[in-house]
Amino acid sequence: MTIHVVLPAFNEARSLPNLLDRFSALPAETRSSLRVVVVDDGSTDDTATLARNHNQGLTVTVVSHE
């Protein structure tokens, strides 16, 4: 089973890393089933970049809207 988590985001550079870290802290068997999609809705901060660069055992996809 795959668990999809869709996170709408607008200027969330301060809070997004903490949230993604919390998902990364889940047990490996849960984390391996998890797919996170960050929908960046035209952020003017580093939201999309931070989401793309998060590489702590999660599959993170970023969809950017201008």
N, C-alpha and C. Protein backbone atom coordinates (compact mmCIF):
# COMPACT_ATOMS: atom_id res chain seq x y z
N MET A 1 0.84 -1.17 0.00
CA MET A 1 0.00 0.00 0.00
C MET A 1 0.89 1.24 0.00
N THR A 2 0.50 2.24 -0.78
CA THR A 2 1.21 3.51 -0.82
C THR A 2 0.35 4.57 -0.15
N ILE A 3 0.99 5.35 0.68
CA ILE A 3 0.32 6.45 1.37
C ILE A 3 0.77 7.74 0.70
N HIS A 4 -0.17 8.50 0.16
CA HIS A 4 0.13 9.77 -0.48
C HIS A 4 -0.24 10.91 0.47
N VAL A 5 0.71 11.80 0.69
CA VAL A 5 0.48 12.99 1.51
C VAL A 5 0.69 14.19 0.60
N VAL A 6 -0.34 14.99 0.41
CA VAL A 6 -0.26 16.18 -0.42
C VAL A 6 -0.25 17.39 0.50
N LEU A 7 0.80 18.19 0.37
CA LEU A 7 0.97 19.36 1.23
C LEU A 7 0.91 20.63 0.40
N PRO A 8 -0.20 21.35 0.46
CA PRO A 8 -0.23 22.65 -0.20
C PRO A 8 0.68 23.60 0.57
N ALA A 9 1.46 24.40 -0.16
CA ALA A 9 2.44 25.25 0.52
C ALA A 9 2.53 26.62 -0.15
N PHE A 10 2.56 27.64 0.67
CA PHE A 10 2.82 29.00 0.19
C PHE A 10 3.69 29.69 1.24
N ASN A 11 4.92 29.97 0.86
CA ASN A 11 5.90 30.60 1.77
C ASN A 11 6.02 29.84 3.09
N GLU A 12 6.34 28.57 2.97
CA GLU A 12 6.48 27.70 4.15
C GLU A 12 7.92 27.29 4.41
N ALA A 13 8.87 28.08 3.97
CA ALA A 13 10.29 27.72 4.13
C ALA A 13 10.68 27.54 5.60
N ARG A 14 10.03 28.27 6.49
CA ARG A 14 10.37 28.13 7.91
C ARG A 14 9.80 26.87 8.53
N SER A 15 8.62 26.44 8.10
CA SER A 15 7.97 25.32 8.78
C SER A 15 8.07 23.99 8.01
N LEU A 16 8.25 24.04 6.72
CA LEU A 16 8.27 22.81 5.92
C LEU A 16 9.40 21.84 6.31
N PRO A 17 10.63 22.30 6.51
CA PRO A 17 11.68 21.34 6.89
C PRO A 17 11.35 20.56 8.15
N ASN A 18 10.77 21.20 9.15
CA ASN A 18 10.41 20.51 10.38
C ASN A 18 9.35 19.43 10.11
N LEU A 19 8.36 19.76 9.31
CA LEU A 19 7.32 18.79 8.99
C LEU A 19 7.91 17.60 8.22
N LEU A 20 8.75 17.87 7.22
CA LEU A 20 9.36 16.78 6.47
C LEU A 20 10.27 15.93 7.36
N ASP A 21 10.96 16.57 8.29
CA ASP A 21 11.79 15.82 9.25
C ASP A 21 10.94 14.88 10.10
N ARG A 22 9.75 15.33 10.46
CA ARG A 22 8.86 14.48 11.27
C ARG A 22 8.40 13.26 10.47
N PHE A 23 8.11 13.46 9.19
CA PHE A 23 7.79 12.31 8.35
C PHE A 23 9.00 11.38 8.22
N SER A 24 10.19 11.95 8.12
CA SER A 24 11.41 11.14 8.00
C SER A 24 11.67 10.31 9.25
N ALA A 25 11.15 10.75 10.38
CA ALA A 25 11.36 10.05 11.64
C ALA A 25 10.42 8.87 11.83
N LEU A 26 9.49 8.68 10.91
CA LEU A 26 8.58 7.53 11.00
C LEU A 26 9.37 6.23 10.84
N PRO A 27 8.84 5.13 11.34
CA PRO A 27 9.53 3.85 11.16
C PRO A 27 9.77 3.55 9.68
N ALA A 28 10.87 2.87 9.38
CA ALA A 28 11.27 2.61 8.00
C ALA A 28 10.18 1.93 7.18
N GLU A 29 9.45 0.99 7.77
CA GLU A 29 8.42 0.29 7.01
C GLU A 29 7.27 1.22 6.62
N THR A 30 6.97 2.20 7.46
CA THR A 30 5.95 3.20 7.13
C THR A 30 6.50 4.19 6.12
N ARG A 31 7.70 4.67 6.37
CA ARG A 31 8.32 5.67 5.51
C ARG A 31 8.50 5.15 4.08
N SER A 32 8.77 3.88 3.91
CA SER A 32 8.98 3.33 2.57
C SER A 32 7.69 3.32 1.75
N SER A 33 6.54 3.38 2.40
CA SER A 33 5.25 3.42 1.71
C SER A 33 4.75 4.84 1.49
N LEU A 34 5.46 5.81 2.00
CA LEU A 34 5.00 7.18 2.00
C LEU A 34 5.51 7.94 0.79
N ARG A 35 4.62 8.65 0.11
CA ARG A 35 4.97 9.54 -1.00
C ARG A 35 4.44 10.92 -0.65
N VAL A 36 5.33 11.89 -0.56
CA VAL A 36 4.95 13.25 -0.19
C VAL A 36 5.00 14.12 -1.44
N VAL A 37 3.91 14.85 -1.67
CA VAL A 37 3.84 15.80 -2.78
C VAL A 37 3.65 17.19 -2.17
N VAL A 38 4.61 18.06 -2.43
CA VAL A 38 4.51 19.44 -1.97
C VAL A 38 4.04 20.27 -3.16
N VAL A 39 2.90 20.90 -3.02
CA VAL A 39 2.35 21.75 -4.08
C VAL A 39 2.65 23.19 -3.69
N ASP A 40 3.68 23.74 -4.32
CA ASP A 40 4.12 25.10 -4.03
C ASP A 40 3.32 26.06 -4.89
N ASP A 41 2.52 26.88 -4.24
CA ASP A 41 1.59 27.76 -4.94
C ASP A 41 2.15 29.17 -5.09
N GLY A 42 3.31 29.27 -5.75
CA GLY A 42 3.89 30.58 -6.04
C GLY A 42 4.66 31.21 -4.90
N SER A 43 5.25 30.41 -4.06
CA SER A 43 6.01 30.95 -2.93
C SER A 43 7.13 31.87 -3.40
N THR A 44 7.39 32.89 -2.61
CA THR A 44 8.48 33.81 -2.92
C THR A 44 9.69 33.56 -2.02
N ASP A 45 9.61 32.55 -1.19
CA ASP A 45 10.75 32.16 -0.36
C ASP A 45 11.34 30.86 -0.94
N ASP A 46 12.07 30.12 -0.15
CA ASP A 46 12.75 28.91 -0.63
C ASP A 46 11.95 27.63 -0.40
N THR A 47 10.64 27.72 -0.34
CA THR A 47 9.81 26.54 -0.07
C THR A 47 10.10 25.40 -1.04
N ALA A 48 10.04 25.66 -2.33
CA ALA A 48 10.23 24.61 -3.33
C ALA A 48 11.64 24.03 -3.27
N THR A 49 12.62 24.88 -3.12
CA THR A 49 14.01 24.43 -3.06
C THR A 49 14.24 23.55 -1.85
N LEU A 50 13.73 23.95 -0.71
CA LEU A 50 13.89 23.14 0.50
C LEU A 50 13.21 21.79 0.35
N ALA A 51 12.03 21.76 -0.25
CA ALA A 51 11.33 20.50 -0.45
C ALA A 51 12.11 19.59 -1.40
N ARG A 52 12.62 20.17 -2.50
CA ARG A 52 13.38 19.36 -3.47
C ARG A 52 14.67 18.80 -2.86
N ASN A 53 15.28 19.56 -1.96
CA ASN A 53 16.56 19.16 -1.39
C ASN A 53 16.43 18.28 -0.15
N HIS A 54 15.22 18.02 0.28
CA HIS A 54 15.04 17.16 1.46
C HIS A 54 15.34 15.72 1.06
N ASN A 55 16.37 15.15 1.60
CA ASN A 55 16.79 13.81 1.20
C ASN A 55 17.06 12.92 2.41
N GLN A 56 16.12 12.90 3.31
CA GLN A 56 16.30 12.11 4.52
C GLN A 56 15.38 10.90 4.51
N GLY A 57 15.46 10.12 3.44
CA GLY A 57 14.71 8.87 3.40
C GLY A 57 13.27 8.99 2.96
N LEU A 58 12.89 10.13 2.41
CA LEU A 58 11.52 10.33 1.94
C LEU A 58 11.50 10.48 0.43
N THR A 59 10.41 10.07 -0.18
CA THR A 59 10.19 10.38 -1.57
C THR A 59 9.34 11.65 -1.61
N VAL A 60 9.96 12.76 -2.03
CA VAL A 60 9.27 14.05 -2.08
C VAL A 60 9.24 14.53 -3.53
N THR A 61 8.04 14.84 -3.99
CA THR A 61 7.84 15.41 -5.31
C THR A 61 7.34 16.83 -5.12
N VAL A 62 7.85 17.75 -5.93
CA VAL A 62 7.42 19.15 -5.82
C VAL A 62 6.68 19.53 -7.12
N VAL A 63 5.49 20.06 -6.95
CA VAL A 63 4.73 20.62 -8.06
C VAL A 63 4.69 22.11 -7.81
N SER A 64 5.22 22.88 -8.75
CA SER A 64 5.27 24.34 -8.56
C SER A 64 4.28 25.04 -9.47
N HIS A 65 3.56 25.97 -8.88
CA HIS A 65 2.66 26.85 -9.61
C HIS A 65 3.18 28.27 -9.46
N GLU A 66 3.16 29.01 -10.52
CA GLU A 66 3.65 30.40 -10.45
C GLU A 66 2.59 31.34 -9.96
